[in-house]
PDB file of all heavy atoms in Angstrom:
ATOM      1  N   ARG A   1       1.029 -20.394 -19.963  1.00  0.00           N
ATOM      2  CA  ARG A   1       1.974 -20.788 -20.995  1.00  0.00           C
ATOM      3  C   ARG A   1       2.609 -19.548 -21.587  1.00  0.00           C
ATOM      4  O   ARG A   1       1.966 -18.510 -21.685  1.00  0.00           O
ATOM      5  CB  ARG A   1       1.258 -21.569 -22.092  1.00  0.00           C
ATOM      6  CG  ARG A   1       1.064 -23.008 -21.729  1.00  0.00           C
ATOM      7  CD  ARG A   1       0.472 -23.765 -22.904  1.00  0.00           C
ATOM      8  NE  ARG A   1      -0.752 -24.375 -22.426  1.00  0.00           N
ATOM      9  CZ  ARG A   1      -1.963 -24.016 -22.773  1.00  0.00           C
ATOM     10  NH1 ARG A   1      -2.167 -23.050 -23.628  1.00  0.00           N
ATOM     11  NH2 ARG A   1      -3.010 -24.627 -22.280  1.00  0.00           N
ATOM     12  N   ALA A   2       3.885 -19.685 -21.970  1.00  0.00           N
ATOM     13  CA  ALA A   2       4.564 -18.555 -22.603  1.00  0.00           C
ATOM     14  C   ALA A   2       3.911 -18.335 -23.964  1.00  0.00           C
ATOM     15  O   ALA A   2       4.056 -19.137 -24.860  1.00  0.00           O
ATOM     16  CB  ALA A   2       6.052 -18.843 -22.738  1.00  0.00           C
ATOM     17  N   GLY A   3       3.138 -17.295 -24.109  1.00  0.00           N
ATOM     18  CA  GLY A   3       2.470 -16.982 -25.353  1.00  0.00           C
ATOM     19  C   GLY A   3       2.490 -15.485 -25.556  1.00  0.00           C
ATOM     20  O   GLY A   3       3.345 -14.950 -26.229  1.00  0.00           O
ATOM     21  N   LEU A   4       1.550 -14.811 -24.922  1.00  0.00           N
ATOM     22  CA  LEU A   4       1.461 -13.361 -24.994  1.00  0.00           C
ATOM     23  C   LEU A   4       2.071 -12.747 -23.744  1.00  0.00           C
ATOM     24  O   LEU A   4       1.995 -13.324 -22.667  1.00  0.00           O
ATOM     25  CB  LEU A   4      -0.004 -12.936 -25.087  1.00  0.00           C
ATOM     26  CG  LEU A   4      -0.782 -13.477 -26.280  1.00  0.00           C
ATOM     27  CD1 LEU A   4      -2.259 -13.184 -26.118  1.00  0.00           C
ATOM     28  CD2 LEU A   4      -0.263 -12.856 -27.564  1.00  0.00           C
ATOM     29  N   GLY A   5       2.644 -11.579 -23.896  1.00  0.00           N
ATOM     30  CA  GLY A   5       3.228 -10.911 -22.747  1.00  0.00           C
ATOM     31  C   GLY A   5       3.087  -9.410 -22.858  1.00  0.00           C
ATOM     32  O   GLY A   5       2.875  -8.868 -23.945  1.00  0.00           O
ATOM     33  N   PHE A   6       3.173  -8.763 -21.717  1.00  0.00           N
ATOM     34  CA  PHE A   6       3.129  -7.307 -21.666  1.00  0.00           C
ATOM     35  C   PHE A   6       3.944  -6.869 -20.469  1.00  0.00           C
ATOM     36  O   PHE A   6       3.864  -7.492 -19.404  1.00  0.00           O
ATOM     37  CB  PHE A   6       1.684  -6.813 -21.526  1.00  0.00           C
ATOM     38  CG  PHE A   6       1.553  -5.321 -21.537  1.00  0.00           C
ATOM     39  CD1 PHE A   6       1.689  -4.600 -22.710  1.00  0.00           C
ATOM     40  CD2 PHE A   6       1.300  -4.625 -20.363  1.00  0.00           C
ATOM     41  CE1 PHE A   6       1.575  -3.214 -22.718  1.00  0.00           C
ATOM     42  CE2 PHE A   6       1.183  -3.246 -20.356  1.00  0.00           C
ATOM     43  CZ  PHE A   6       1.319  -2.538 -21.546  1.00  0.00           C
ATOM     44  N   ALA A   7       4.745  -5.823 -20.635  1.00  0.00           N
ATOM     45  CA  ALA A   7       5.558  -5.301 -19.536  1.00  0.00           C
ATOM     46  C   ALA A   7       5.307  -3.808 -19.397  1.00  0.00           C
ATOM     47  O   ALA A   7       5.101  -3.101 -20.394  1.00  0.00           O
ATOM     48  CB  ALA A   7       7.034  -5.564 -19.790  1.00  0.00           C
ATOM     49  N   LEU A   8       5.299  -3.358 -18.151  1.00  0.00           N
ATOM     50  CA  LEU A   8       5.032  -1.963 -17.845  1.00  0.00           C
ATOM     51  C   LEU A   8       5.993  -1.515 -16.754  1.00  0.00           C
ATOM     52  O   LEU A   8       6.203  -2.242 -15.787  1.00  0.00           O
ATOM     53  CB  LEU A   8       3.582  -1.829 -17.345  1.00  0.00           C
ATOM     54  CG  LEU A   8       3.103  -0.462 -16.870  1.00  0.00           C
ATOM     55  CD1 LEU A   8       2.993   0.493 -18.059  1.00  0.00           C
ATOM     56  CD2 LEU A   8       1.748  -0.608 -16.184  1.00  0.00           C
ATOM     57  N   SER A   9       6.592  -0.347 -16.925  1.00  0.00           N
ATOM     58  CA  SER A   9       7.441   0.253 -15.895  1.00  0.00           C
ATOM     59  C   SER A   9       6.864   1.610 -15.542  1.00  0.00           C
ATOM     60  O   SER A   9       6.667   2.457 -16.411  1.00  0.00           O
ATOM     61  CB  SER A   9       8.877   0.418 -16.388  1.00  0.00           C
ATOM     62  OG  SER A   9       9.477  -0.848 -16.582  1.00  0.00           O
ATOM     63  N   VAL A  10       6.573   1.798 -14.249  1.00  0.00           N
ATOM     64  CA  VAL A  10       5.936   3.023 -13.785  1.00  0.00           C
ATOM     65  C   VAL A  10       6.919   3.780 -12.892  1.00  0.00           C
ATOM     66  O   VAL A  10       7.330   3.263 -11.855  1.00  0.00           O
ATOM     67  CB  VAL A  10       4.657   2.709 -12.980  1.00  0.00           C
ATOM     68  CG1 VAL A  10       3.959   3.992 -12.550  1.00  0.00           C
ATOM     69  CG2 VAL A  10       3.718   1.811 -13.776  1.00  0.00           C
ATOM     70  N   PRO A  11       7.312   4.999 -13.284  1.00  0.00           N
ATOM     71  CA  PRO A  11       8.217   5.777 -12.447  1.00  0.00           C
ATOM     72  C   PRO A  11       7.458   6.446 -11.295  1.00  0.00           C
ATOM     73  O   PRO A  11       6.329   6.906 -11.464  1.00  0.00           O
ATOM     74  CB  PRO A  11       8.784   6.833 -13.401  1.00  0.00           C
ATOM     75  CG  PRO A  11       7.704   7.022 -14.418  1.00  0.00           C
ATOM     76  CD  PRO A  11       7.002   5.688 -14.542  1.00  0.00           C
ATOM     77  N   PHE A  12       8.099   6.488 -10.143  1.00  0.00           N
ATOM     78  CA  PHE A  12       7.565   7.183  -8.972  1.00  0.00           C
ATOM     79  C   PHE A  12       8.587   8.226  -8.543  1.00  0.00           C
ATOM     80  O   PHE A  12       9.771   8.125  -8.881  1.00  0.00           O
ATOM     81  CB  PHE A  12       7.286   6.191  -7.841  1.00  0.00           C
ATOM     82  CG  PHE A  12       6.026   5.400  -8.056  1.00  0.00           C
ATOM     83  CD1 PHE A  12       6.042   4.233  -8.796  1.00  0.00           C
ATOM     84  CD2 PHE A  12       4.824   5.846  -7.538  1.00  0.00           C
ATOM     85  CE1 PHE A  12       4.875   3.518  -9.015  1.00  0.00           C
ATOM     86  CE2 PHE A  12       3.648   5.135  -7.747  1.00  0.00           C
ATOM     87  CZ  PHE A  12       3.682   3.967  -8.492  1.00  0.00           C
ATOM     88  N   PRO A  13       8.161   9.250  -7.795  1.00  0.00           N
ATOM     89  CA  PRO A  13       9.092  10.296  -7.368  1.00  0.00           C
ATOM     90  C   PRO A  13      10.240   9.780  -6.499  1.00  0.00           C
ATOM     91  O   PRO A  13      11.310  10.385  -6.489  1.00  0.00           O
ATOM     92  CB  PRO A  13       8.216  11.267  -6.571  1.00  0.00           C
ATOM     93  CG  PRO A  13       6.831  11.038  -7.073  1.00  0.00           C
ATOM     94  CD  PRO A  13       6.775   9.578  -7.438  1.00  0.00           C
ATOM     95  N   SER A  14      10.029   8.664  -5.789  1.00  0.00           N
ATOM     96  CA  SER A  14      11.086   8.145  -4.917  1.00  0.00           C
ATOM     97  C   SER A  14      10.983   6.624  -4.831  1.00  0.00           C
ATOM     98  O   SER A  14       9.927   6.047  -5.109  1.00  0.00           O
ATOM     99  CB  SER A  14      10.946   8.735  -3.506  1.00  0.00           C
ATOM    100  OG  SER A  14       9.808   8.180  -2.862  1.00  0.00           O
ATOM    101  N   PRO A  15      12.088   5.971  -4.431  1.00  0.00           N
ATOM    102  CA  PRO A  15      12.038   4.525  -4.221  1.00  0.00           C
ATOM    103  C   PRO A  15      11.009   4.117  -3.157  1.00  0.00           C
ATOM    104  O   PRO A  15      10.351   3.084  -3.294  1.00  0.00           O
ATOM    105  CB  PRO A  15      13.464   4.171  -3.779  1.00  0.00           C
ATOM    106  CG  PRO A  15      14.314   5.240  -4.380  1.00  0.00           C
ATOM    107  CD  PRO A  15      13.463   6.481  -4.323  1.00  0.00           C
ATOM    108  N   LEU A  16      10.852   4.941  -2.123  1.00  0.00           N
ATOM    109  CA  LEU A  16       9.882   4.626  -1.073  1.00  0.00           C
ATOM    110  C   LEU A  16       8.465   4.604  -1.636  1.00  0.00           C
ATOM    111  O   LEU A  16       7.671   3.714  -1.314  1.00  0.00           O
ATOM    112  CB  LEU A  16       9.990   5.632   0.075  1.00  0.00           C
ATOM    113  CG  LEU A  16       9.020   5.436   1.247  1.00  0.00           C
ATOM    114  CD1 LEU A  16       9.144   4.036   1.841  1.00  0.00           C
ATOM    115  CD2 LEU A  16       9.259   6.499   2.309  1.00  0.00           C
ATOM    116  N   GLU A  17       8.134   5.549  -2.497  1.00  0.00           N
ATOM    117  CA  GLU A  17       6.800   5.569  -3.096  1.00  0.00           C
ATOM    118  C   GLU A  17       6.587   4.379  -4.030  1.00  0.00           C
ATOM    119  O   GLU A  17       5.487   3.816  -4.081  1.00  0.00           O
ATOM    120  CB  GLU A  17       6.563   6.894  -3.813  1.00  0.00           C
ATOM    121  CG  GLU A  17       6.364   8.034  -2.823  1.00  0.00           C
ATOM    122  CD  GLU A  17       6.472   9.399  -3.454  1.00  0.00           C
ATOM    123  OE1 GLU A  17       7.603   9.786  -3.822  1.00  0.00           O
ATOM    124  OE2 GLU A  17       5.425  10.071  -3.563  1.00  0.00           O
ATOM    125  N   ALA A  18       7.629   3.954  -4.733  1.00  0.00           N
ATOM    126  CA  ALA A  18       7.526   2.748  -5.567  1.00  0.00           C
ATOM    127  C   ALA A  18       7.272   1.523  -4.699  1.00  0.00           C
ATOM    128  O   ALA A  18       6.455   0.664  -5.048  1.00  0.00           O
ATOM    129  CB  ALA A  18       8.798   2.572  -6.398  1.00  0.00           C
ATOM    130  N   GLN A  19       7.937   1.449  -3.536  1.00  0.00           N
ATOM    131  CA  GLN A  19       7.725   0.329  -2.612  1.00  0.00           C
ATOM    132  C   GLN A  19       6.314   0.358  -2.024  1.00  0.00           C
ATOM    133  O   GLN A  19       5.689  -0.693  -1.858  1.00  0.00           O
ATOM    134  CB  GLN A  19       8.749   0.370  -1.474  1.00  0.00           C
ATOM    135  CG  GLN A  19      10.143  -0.065  -1.875  1.00  0.00           C
ATOM    136  CD  GLN A  19      10.222  -1.559  -2.174  1.00  0.00           C
ATOM    137  OE1 GLN A  19       9.358  -2.341  -1.827  1.00  0.00           O
ATOM    138  NE2 GLN A  19      11.298  -1.947  -2.838  1.00  0.00           N
ATOM    139  N   ILE A  20       5.809   1.536  -1.712  1.00  0.00           N
ATOM    140  CA  ILE A  20       4.448   1.663  -1.181  1.00  0.00           C
ATOM    141  C   ILE A  20       3.435   1.178  -2.229  1.00  0.00           C
ATOM    142  O   ILE A  20       2.507   0.424  -1.910  1.00  0.00           O
ATOM    143  CB  ILE A  20       4.154   3.111  -0.751  1.00  0.00           C
ATOM    144  CG1 ILE A  20       4.971   3.457   0.500  1.00  0.00           C
ATOM    145  CG2 ILE A  20       2.667   3.327  -0.497  1.00  0.00           C
ATOM    146  CD1 ILE A  20       4.963   4.932   0.863  1.00  0.00           C
ATOM    147  N   ALA A  21       3.614   1.588  -3.469  1.00  0.00           N
ATOM    148  CA  ALA A  21       2.714   1.142  -4.539  1.00  0.00           C
ATOM    149  C   ALA A  21       2.799  -0.374  -4.706  1.00  0.00           C
ATOM    150  O   ALA A  21       1.774  -1.048  -4.841  1.00  0.00           O
ATOM    151  CB  ALA A  21       3.064   1.846  -5.852  1.00  0.00           C
ATOM    152  N   HIS A  22       4.008  -0.911  -4.666  1.00  0.00           N
ATOM    153  CA  HIS A  22       4.194  -2.365  -4.768  1.00  0.00           C
ATOM    154  C   HIS A  22       3.444  -3.069  -3.646  1.00  0.00           C
ATOM    155  O   HIS A  22       2.733  -4.052  -3.879  1.00  0.00           O
ATOM    156  CB  HIS A  22       5.680  -2.712  -4.723  1.00  0.00           C
ATOM    157  CG  HIS A  22       5.959  -4.172  -4.792  1.00  0.00           C
ATOM    158  ND1 HIS A  22       6.023  -4.960  -3.661  1.00  0.00           N
ATOM    159  CD2 HIS A  22       6.192  -4.984  -5.845  1.00  0.00           C
ATOM    160  CE1 HIS A  22       6.283  -6.206  -4.015  1.00  0.00           C
ATOM    161  NE2 HIS A  22       6.391  -6.243  -5.339  1.00  0.00           N
ATOM    162  N   GLY A  23       3.583  -2.562  -2.432  1.00  0.00           N
ATOM    163  CA  GLY A  23       2.903  -3.170  -1.296  1.00  0.00           C
ATOM    164  C   GLY A  23       1.391  -3.114  -1.410  1.00  0.00           C
ATOM    165  O   GLY A  23       0.686  -4.010  -0.935  1.00  0.00           O
ATOM    166  N   SER A  24       0.882  -2.080  -2.046  1.00  0.00           N
ATOM    167  CA  SER A  24      -0.558  -1.943  -2.224  1.00  0.00           C
ATOM    168  C   SER A  24      -1.092  -2.810  -3.354  1.00  0.00           C
ATOM    169  O   SER A  24      -2.225  -3.280  -3.302  1.00  0.00           O
ATOM    170  CB  SER A  24      -0.916  -0.487  -2.528  1.00  0.00           C
ATOM    171  OG  SER A  24      -0.586   0.337  -1.447  1.00  0.00           O
ATOM    172  N   LEU A  25      -0.292  -3.015  -4.380  1.00  0.00           N
ATOM    173  CA  LEU A  25      -0.764  -3.719  -5.576  1.00  0.00           C
ATOM    174  C   LEU A  25      -0.387  -5.197  -5.626  1.00  0.00           C
ATOM    175  O   LEU A  25      -1.084  -5.986  -6.257  1.00  0.00           O
ATOM    176  CB  LEU A  25      -0.229  -3.022  -6.825  1.00  0.00           C
ATOM    177  CG  LEU A  25      -0.749  -1.599  -7.017  1.00  0.00           C
ATOM    178  CD1 LEU A  25       0.115  -0.850  -8.026  1.00  0.00           C
ATOM    179  CD2 LEU A  25      -2.195  -1.619  -7.461  1.00  0.00           C
ATOM    180  N   ALA A  26       0.695  -5.587  -4.976  1.00  0.00           N
ATOM    181  CA  ALA A  26       1.161  -6.971  -5.061  1.00  0.00           C
ATOM    182  C   ALA A  26       0.178  -7.993  -4.512  1.00  0.00           C
ATOM    183  O   ALA A  26       0.089  -9.094  -5.046  1.00  0.00           O
ATOM    184  CB  ALA A  26       2.522  -7.108  -4.380  1.00  0.00           C
ATOM    185  N   PRO A  27      -0.592  -7.688  -3.441  1.00  0.00           N
ATOM    186  CA  PRO A  27      -1.502  -8.710  -2.917  1.00  0.00           C
ATOM    187  C   PRO A  27      -2.634  -9.096  -3.868  1.00  0.00           C
ATOM    188  O   PRO A  27      -3.277 -10.114  -3.676  1.00  0.00           O
ATOM    189  CB  PRO A  27      -2.086  -8.070  -1.654  1.00  0.00           C
ATOM    190  CG  PRO A  27      -1.133  -6.996  -1.288  1.00  0.00           C
ATOM    191  CD  PRO A  27      -0.544  -6.522  -2.581  1.00  0.00           C
ATOM    192  N   ASP A  28      -2.905  -8.281  -4.897  1.00  0.00           N
ATOM    193  CA  ASP A  28      -4.000  -8.576  -5.813  1.00  0.00           C
ATOM    194  C   ASP A  28      -3.609  -9.682  -6.785  1.00  0.00           C
ATOM    195  O   ASP A  28      -3.008  -9.443  -7.815  1.00  0.00           O
ATOM    196  CB  ASP A  28      -4.410  -7.325  -6.603  1.00  0.00           C
ATOM    197  CG  ASP A  28      -5.031  -6.260  -5.727  1.00  0.00           C
ATOM    198  OD1 ASP A  28      -5.515  -6.617  -4.646  1.00  0.00           O
ATOM    199  OD2 ASP A  28      -5.009  -5.091  -6.123  1.00  0.00           O
ATOM    200  N   ARG A  29      -3.971 -10.896  -6.425  1.00  0.00           N
ATOM    201  CA  ARG A  29      -3.696 -12.036  -7.294  1.00  0.00           C
ATOM    202  C   ARG A  29      -4.714 -12.070  -8.420  1.00  0.00           C
ATOM    203  O   ARG A  29      -5.821 -11.563  -8.300  1.00  0.00           O
ATOM    204  CB  ARG A  29      -3.770 -13.334  -6.514  1.00  0.00           C
ATOM    205  CG  ARG A  29      -2.689 -13.491  -5.484  1.00  0.00           C
ATOM    206  CD  ARG A  29      -2.477 -14.984  -5.236  1.00  0.00           C
ATOM    207  NE  ARG A  29      -1.340 -15.236  -4.393  1.00  0.00           N
ATOM    208  CZ  ARG A  29      -0.079 -15.276  -4.811  1.00  0.00           C
ATOM    209  NH1 ARG A  29       0.206 -15.029  -6.057  1.00  0.00           N
ATOM    210  NH2 ARG A  29       0.899 -15.547  -3.991  1.00  0.00           N
ATOM    211  N   GLU A  30      -4.330 -12.723  -9.502  1.00  0.00           N
ATOM    212  CA  GLU A  30      -5.246 -12.896 -10.619  1.00  0.00           C
ATOM    213  C   GLU A  30      -6.391 -13.806 -10.188  1.00  0.00           C
ATOM    214  O   GLU A  30      -6.160 -14.818  -9.531  1.00  0.00           O
ATOM    215  CB  GLU A  30      -4.509 -13.516 -11.821  1.00  0.00           C
ATOM    216  CG  GLU A  30      -3.455 -12.608 -12.416  1.00  0.00           C
ATOM    217  CD  GLU A  30      -4.023 -11.308 -12.944  1.00  0.00           C
ATOM    218  OE1 GLU A  30      -5.169 -11.278 -13.438  1.00  0.00           O
ATOM    219  OE2 GLU A  30      -3.335 -10.286 -12.839  1.00  0.00           O
TER     220      GLU A  30
END
């Protein structure tokens, strides 16, 4: 339910490194 929220933006040296981090972290479901 829309109640509490938190947003985080993490800078990486390059777009490729941001994509690599996304690929590593996205599969972790709650």
